[in-house]
Protein backbone atom coordinates (compact mmCIF):
# COMPACT_ATOMS: atom_id res chain seq x y z
CA MET A 1 164.02 281.20 138.14
CA SER A 2 166.51 279.03 136.22
CA TRP A 3 169.78 277.24 136.68
CA ARG A 4 172.29 279.72 135.63
CA GLY A 5 175.90 280.70 136.38
CA GLY A 6 175.33 281.73 140.05
CA GLU A 7 173.61 278.46 140.76
CA LYS A 8 176.30 276.41 139.18
CA VAL A 9 178.76 278.10 141.58
CA LEU A 10 176.38 277.22 144.39
CA GLU A 11 176.41 273.63 143.22
CA THR A 12 180.16 273.40 143.07
CA LEU A 13 180.59 274.95 146.57
CA ALA A 14 177.97 272.57 147.89
CA ASP A 15 180.15 269.76 146.83
CA LEU A 16 183.34 271.46 148.03
CA TYR A 17 181.65 271.83 151.55
CA PRO A 18 179.24 268.99 152.03
CA GLN A 19 178.33 269.81 155.48
CA ALA A 20 177.38 273.42 154.80
CA ASP A 21 173.83 274.68 155.30
CA ILE A 22 172.33 276.84 152.55
CA PHE A 23 170.32 280.07 153.14
CA THR A 24 168.37 281.63 150.18
CA LEU A 25 165.75 284.31 149.80
CA ILE A 26 163.72 282.16 147.34
CA ALA A 27 164.18 278.55 146.07
CA ASP A 28 162.26 276.87 143.32
CA PRO A 29 162.29 273.13 144.16
CA LYS A 30 161.29 272.33 140.55
CA ILE A 31 164.73 273.28 139.27
CA LEU A 32 166.98 272.30 142.31
CA PRO A 33 169.12 269.21 142.08
CA SER A 34 168.11 266.94 144.94
CA LYS A 35 171.64 267.39 146.64
CA ILE A 36 170.95 271.25 146.86
CA ARG A 37 167.21 270.87 147.72
CA GLY A 38 168.03 268.79 150.95
CA ARG A 39 170.61 271.10 152.14
CA ILE A 40 168.37 274.33 152.23
CA LYS A 41 168.37 275.35 155.85
CA ARG A 42 166.10 278.37 155.54
CA THR A 43 164.27 280.45 152.76
CA SER A 44 162.79 283.93 153.53
CA TRP A 45 159.15 285.03 153.98
CA LEU A 46 159.22 285.88 150.18
CA GLN A 47 158.91 282.05 149.48
CA ARG A 48 155.43 282.11 150.61
CA LEU A 49 154.24 284.94 148.39
CA PRO A 50 152.15 283.88 145.37
CA PHE A 51 154.22 285.91 142.96
CA ARG A 52 157.66 284.31 143.77
CA ARG A 53 158.03 283.54 140.09
CA HIS A 54 158.20 287.23 139.62
CA PHE A 55 160.23 287.93 142.43
CA ARG A 56 162.07 290.89 140.86
CA TYR A 57 158.91 292.81 141.76
CA ALA A 58 159.96 292.42 145.57
CA LEU A 59 163.47 293.91 144.80
CA PRO A 60 162.90 296.98 147.26
CA LEU A 61 162.24 294.35 150.08
CA PHE A 62 165.36 292.29 149.48
CA PRO A 63 167.73 294.47 151.59
CA TRP A 64 165.43 294.30 154.74
CA THR A 65 164.82 290.54 154.13
CA ILE A 66 168.43 289.50 153.74
CA GLU A 67 169.27 291.10 157.03
CA ARG A 68 166.72 289.04 158.97
CA PHE A 69 168.66 285.77 158.65
CA SER A 70 170.69 284.78 161.75
CA PHE A 71 173.93 282.92 161.56
CA ASP A 72 174.52 282.30 165.34
CA GLY A 73 176.63 279.29 165.87
CA TYR A 74 178.48 279.41 162.38
CA ASP A 75 182.16 280.21 161.99
CA VAL A 76 182.25 280.84 158.32
CA VAL A 77 179.68 282.35 156.03
CA ILE A 78 180.14 282.32 152.21
CA SER A 79 177.79 284.56 150.30
CA ILE A 80 177.29 284.23 146.62
CA SER A 81 176.23 287.74 145.68
CA HIS A 82 174.91 289.56 142.59
CA THR A 83 172.06 291.47 144.34
CA VAL A 84 171.86 291.60 148.17
CA ALA A 85 173.35 288.34 149.57
CA LYS A 86 176.65 290.14 150.59
CA GLY A 87 174.48 292.33 152.89
CA VAL A 88 173.78 289.57 155.44
CA ARG A 89 174.67 290.15 159.05
CA THR A 90 177.15 287.28 160.05
CA GLY A 91 177.58 288.40 163.63
CA LYS A 92 180.93 286.90 164.69
CA ALA A 93 181.40 284.59 161.78
CA LEU A 94 183.88 285.17 159.05
CA HIS A 95 182.15 286.45 155.96
CA ILE A 96 183.66 285.81 152.49
CA CYS A 97 181.71 287.16 149.46
CA TYR A 98 182.05 285.50 146.17
CA CYS A 99 180.97 288.33 144.10
CA LEU A 100 179.32 287.69 140.87
CA THR A 101 178.93 291.46 140.41
CA PRO A 102 177.97 294.35 142.61
CA MET A 103 174.20 294.90 142.46
CA ARG A 104 173.67 294.97 138.72
CA VAL A 105 170.33 296.75 138.80
CA ALA A 106 171.56 299.64 140.91
CA TRP A 107 175.01 300.30 139.56
CA VAL A 108 175.52 298.81 136.04
CA PHE A 109 172.22 298.48 134.05
CA PRO A 110 169.37 300.43 135.86
CA GLY A 111 167.95 301.82 132.56
CA ILE A 112 167.70 298.29 131.11
CA TYR A 113 165.78 296.97 134.05
CA PHE A 114 163.49 299.96 134.81
CA GLY A 115 163.51 301.81 131.38
CA SER A 116 164.47 305.48 131.09
CA ALA A 117 162.47 306.30 134.18
CA ALA A 118 165.33 304.97 136.24
CA LEU A 119 167.63 307.68 134.76
CA ARG A 120 165.21 310.60 135.19
CA ARG A 121 165.98 312.63 138.29
CA GLY A 122 163.21 312.52 140.93
CA SER A 123 161.26 309.53 139.47
CA PRO A 124 160.32 306.70 141.88
CA GLN A 125 162.64 304.39 140.08
CA ALA A 126 165.50 306.73 140.36
CA LEU A 127 164.93 307.19 144.08
CA LEU A 128 164.70 303.40 144.46
CA MET A 129 168.15 302.95 142.61
CA ARG A 130 169.67 305.68 144.90
CA GLN A 131 168.47 303.97 147.99
CA LEU A 132 169.61 300.61 146.85
CA ARG A 133 173.10 302.07 145.95
CA ARG A 134 173.29 303.63 149.43
CA TRP A 135 172.50 300.32 151.08
CA ASP A 136 174.86 298.35 149.00
CA LYS A 137 177.80 300.58 149.66
CA ALA A 138 177.04 300.79 153.43
CA THR A 139 176.90 297.15 153.89
CA ALA A 140 180.30 296.36 152.03
CA PRO A 141 182.17 296.56 155.34
CA ARG A 142 180.22 293.60 156.59
CA VAL A 143 182.33 291.32 154.16
CA HIS A 144 185.77 290.40 155.46
CA ALA A 145 187.05 289.27 151.97
CA PHE A 146 185.84 289.74 148.45
CA TYR A 147 186.51 287.21 145.71
CA ALA A 148 185.60 288.31 142.25
CA ILE A 149 184.78 286.11 139.17
CA SER A 150 186.63 288.24 136.69
CA LYS A 151 188.97 291.26 136.32
CA ALA A 152 186.05 293.14 135.14
CA ILE A 153 184.15 292.53 138.54
CA GLN A 154 187.26 293.32 140.46
CA ILE A 155 187.16 296.71 138.85
CA ARG A 156 183.45 297.15 139.82
CA ILE A 157 184.22 296.13 143.37
CA GLU A 158 187.05 298.58 143.65
CA LYS A 159 184.78 301.27 142.10
CA TYR A 160 181.58 300.82 144.00
CA TYR A 161 182.74 299.21 147.34
CA GLU A 162 186.20 300.78 147.53
CA ARG A 163 187.44 297.31 148.40
CA PRO A 164 190.15 295.13 147.02
CA SER A 165 189.31 291.63 145.86
CA ARG A 166 190.91 288.33 144.98
CA LEU A 167 190.32 287.01 141.45
CA ILE A 168 188.88 283.28 141.48
CA TYR A 169 187.36 282.39 138.06
CA PRO A 170 183.96 280.49 138.40
CA PRO A 171 183.80 276.73 137.81
CA VAL A 172 182.99 275.24 134.47
CA ASP A 173 182.33 271.44 134.22
CA CYS A 174 184.68 270.93 131.35
CA ASP A 175 184.44 267.10 131.52
CA ALA A 176 180.72 267.32 130.94
CA PHE A 177 181.13 269.37 127.72
CA GLU A 178 184.33 267.76 126.28
CA SER A 179 182.92 264.31 125.85
CA VAL A 180 181.06 265.01 122.64
CA SER A 181 182.09 265.07 118.98
CA ARG A 182 181.99 268.37 117.27
CA LYS A 183 179.84 268.12 114.07
CA PRO A 184 178.82 271.67 113.25
CA ALA A 185 175.65 272.40 111.11
CA ASP A 186 174.56 275.72 109.58
CA HIS A 187 172.79 277.26 112.48
CA TYR A 188 174.20 279.52 115.30
CA LEU A 189 173.25 279.29 118.97
CA LEU A 190 172.30 281.76 121.75
CA VAL A 191 172.09 280.45 125.39
CA ALA A 192 170.80 283.07 127.86
CA ALA A 193 168.09 284.00 130.25
CA LEU A 194 165.63 286.08 128.27
CA VAL A 195 166.07 289.24 130.41
CA PRO A 196 166.91 292.76 128.98
CA TYR A 197 170.63 293.14 129.73
CA LYS A 198 171.29 289.83 127.80
CA LYS A 199 170.66 291.72 124.56
CA THR A 200 168.85 288.98 122.72
CA GLU A 201 166.96 291.53 120.77
CA LEU A 202 170.15 292.52 119.15
CA ALA A 203 171.09 288.97 117.99
CA ILE A 204 167.51 288.57 116.68
CA GLU A 205 167.74 291.73 114.57
CA ALA A 206 171.22 290.66 113.25
CA PHE A 207 169.97 287.22 112.33
CA ASN A 208 166.73 288.53 110.79
CA ARG A 209 168.79 290.64 108.54
CA LEU A 210 171.34 287.96 107.69
CA GLY A 211 168.67 285.40 107.04
CA LYS A 212 170.77 282.78 108.70
CA PRO A 213 169.21 280.21 111.30
CA LEU A 214 169.61 280.94 115.10
CA VAL A 215 168.56 278.72 117.84
CA ILE A 216 167.75 280.40 121.12
CA VAL A 217 167.99 278.28 124.36
CA GLY A 218 166.59 279.96 127.47
CA VAL A 219 163.45 281.32 129.08
CA GLY A 220 162.62 284.57 130.71
CA PRO A 221 160.07 287.39 130.94
CA GLU A 222 161.29 288.85 127.67
CA GLU A 223 160.33 285.63 125.71
CA ARG A 224 156.75 286.58 124.29
CA ARG A 225 157.98 290.11 122.89
CA LEU A 226 161.06 288.68 121.47
CA ARG A 227 159.22 285.86 119.62
CA LYS A 228 157.08 288.61 117.99
CA ILE A 229 160.04 290.26 116.39
CA SER A 230 161.76 287.00 115.24
CA SER A 231 161.74 285.91 111.62
CA ARG A 232 161.21 282.39 110.51
CA HIS A 233 164.97 281.71 110.67
CA ILE A 234 164.91 282.03 114.51
CA ARG A 235 164.09 278.71 116.45
CA TRP A 236 163.01 278.65 120.08
CA ALA A 237 164.32 275.71 121.85
CA GLY A 238 163.25 276.75 125.57
CA PRO A 239 165.13 275.41 128.66
CA GLN A 240 167.59 272.54 128.07
CA SER A 241 169.28 269.95 130.28
CA THR A 242 173.12 269.77 130.47
CA GLU A 243 173.19 266.81 128.14
CA ALA A 244 170.87 268.54 125.45
CA LEU A 245 172.84 271.83 125.90
CA ARG A 246 176.12 269.95 125.28
CA ALA A 247 174.55 268.48 121.89
CA TRP A 248 173.60 272.01 120.91
CA TYR A 249 176.98 273.39 121.43
CA ALA A 250 178.54 270.46 119.47
CA CYS A 251 176.17 270.94 116.47
CA SER A 252 176.23 274.73 116.24
CA ARG A 253 178.45 276.84 114.02
CA ALA A 254 179.18 279.26 116.87
CA LEU A 255 177.66 280.61 120.09
CA ILE A 256 176.38 284.14 119.97
CA CYS A 257 176.85 286.46 123.06
CA PRO A 258 175.66 289.98 122.33
CA GLN A 259 175.66 291.05 126.01
CA GLU A 260 178.26 292.34 128.42
CA GLU A 261 178.97 289.44 130.65
CA ASP A 262 180.47 289.52 134.11
CA PHE A 263 182.39 286.34 133.25
CA GLY A 264 180.22 284.17 130.81
CA ILE A 265 180.14 280.45 131.67
CA ALA A 266 178.25 279.63 128.52
CA ALA A 267 181.12 280.89 126.34
CA VAL A 268 183.49 278.56 128.25
CA GLU A 269 181.11 275.71 128.05
CA ALA A 270 180.82 276.30 124.29
CA GLN A 271 184.68 276.28 124.02
CA ALA A 272 184.98 273.04 125.97
CA THR A 273 182.92 271.26 123.16
CA GLY A 274 185.03 272.91 120.43
CA CYS A 275 182.37 275.51 119.51
CA PRO A 276 183.77 279.12 118.85
CA VAL A 277 182.11 282.15 120.37
CA ILE A 278 181.08 285.41 118.86
CA ALA A 279 180.93 287.88 121.71
CA TYR A 280 180.69 291.47 122.61
CA ALA A 281 184.21 292.63 123.57
CA ALA A 282 183.42 293.78 127.17
CA GLY A 283 183.27 292.35 130.61
CA GLY A 284 184.50 288.85 130.96
CA ALA A 285 184.72 287.96 127.11
CA GLY A 286 188.17 289.40 126.82
CA GLU A 287 189.35 287.09 129.55
CA THR A 288 187.82 283.84 128.24
CA ILE A 289 187.97 284.26 124.56
CA ILE A 290 191.12 284.60 122.36
CA ASP A 291 190.10 286.74 119.40
CA GLY A 292 190.61 284.92 116.06
CA GLN A 293 191.59 281.71 117.95
CA THR A 294 188.73 280.56 120.16
CA GLY A 295 186.26 283.04 118.91
CA VAL A 296 185.52 286.52 117.40
CA LEU A 297 185.04 289.77 119.44
CA PHE A 298 182.94 292.60 118.23
CA THR A 299 183.33 296.30 119.63
CA ALA A 300 179.89 297.81 119.16
CA GLN A 301 176.51 296.55 120.39
CA THR A 302 175.01 296.95 117.01
CA ALA A 303 173.41 294.58 114.61
CA GLU A 304 175.94 295.72 111.94
CA SER A 305 178.82 294.94 114.22
CA LEU A 306 177.52 291.53 115.16
CA MET A 307 176.77 290.81 111.32
CA ASP A 308 180.44 291.70 110.57
CA ALA A 309 181.65 289.30 113.35
CA VAL A 310 179.41 286.51 111.93
CA GLY A 311 181.02 286.94 108.53
CA ARG A 312 184.42 286.96 110.02
CA CYS A 313 183.66 283.69 111.92
CA GLU A 314 182.83 282.05 108.61
CA THR A 315 186.23 282.73 107.21
CA ILE A 316 188.28 281.00 110.08
CA VAL A 317 189.10 277.37 110.30
CA TRP A 318 188.68 276.55 113.93
CA ASP A 319 190.96 274.34 115.94
CA THR A 320 188.73 272.27 118.23
CA ALA A 321 191.78 271.09 120.32
CA LEU A 322 192.70 274.76 120.93
CA LEU A 323 189.27 275.72 121.85
CA ARG A 324 189.10 272.79 124.47
CA ARG A 325 192.56 273.82 126.02
CA ASN A 326 191.52 277.28 126.42
CA ALA A 327 188.32 276.25 128.30
CA ARG A 328 190.39 274.04 130.55
CA ARG A 329 191.73 277.08 132.19
CA PHE A 330 188.41 277.60 133.96
CA ASP A 331 187.79 273.92 134.80
CA ARG A 332 185.96 273.43 138.23
CA ARG A 333 188.93 271.52 139.64
CA HIS A 334 191.08 274.58 139.35
CA PHE A 335 188.28 276.66 141.06
CA SER A 336 187.72 274.25 144.01
CA GLY A 337 191.44 274.10 144.86
CA GLN A 338 191.88 277.91 144.66
CA PHE A 339 188.69 278.65 146.45
CA HIS A 340 189.28 276.18 149.33
CA GLN A 341 193.05 277.39 149.73
CA ALA A 342 191.78 281.07 149.77
CA VAL A 343 189.17 280.39 152.60
CA LEU A 344 191.79 278.67 154.71
CA GLN A 345 193.98 281.61 154.46
CA GLU A 346 191.03 284.01 155.34
CA MET A 347 190.28 281.68 158.47
CA GLU A 348 193.92 281.85 159.53
CA LYS A 349 193.93 285.59 159.30
CA PHE A 350 190.53 285.87 161.03
CA SER A 351 191.35 283.71 164.06
């Protein structure tokens, strides 16, 4: 488990609602800030299992487990959902779902998570995906209001849940990333969890062929395999604190994002430091990056397309002030105001 975009949303909402209790299937106290750790009201039985670091293996049990939580005595429940959180039973409480994405493993990238077997009719993996999709769609009516993190996610919510949603971009702590001087060196940077859908292998292939230095920040189950295919130009930096990550953005030539992101908080953080972004032109990238002004978008997930984008990046003189202004559109202060106002409106309608 790691402190990623969804957890940063949780941290901001915890600040916004300081009296709120936090429920979660699994929590790793080693990575939790103290202000979050002390607010956790309940975890699930999965917390007691020895393999909780490999919690994805318990995916078939997630729907049943999330439905065991009780919210008696609460007036409002806010779920932050990318897998099963939106399936909670909230009883008489207003349920607002801040949807990071409809269940990615079931709807969007089943083949990446479970291989070709997930796409083969009649396989156990395909049957599991069908059951998860059925449960995920059937539990959508439990949500009174959906908020989406990007226009791309709004489209998914409409497609898979047949529900409208309100667009509220996720929070980025621009203050934390602006307060650094931009001094780019020759290397490029990739910041991501090392899981299949992040497409880190694509970046490694491109930079192996380019012979240019790439620094990879992140951890995950794919790390061992990816290290084996990396050339000497690839440096592995592991997990980094916010302060260290800010320094990496400031000294890197550009951030590389080869994946289709639901939104892409790292891309906004990079722009807040003045670092341009080279990103695959799908998902949230088209909403956070201005092609040719704050980054370079490439249209095919191939090493050749990424290599061409790197070449284009090196021909552009980047305007640090413009990059930072663009990032400011997604500052956490905007998020907090929009989110709280939206919640008040939902409470008024619900009462």
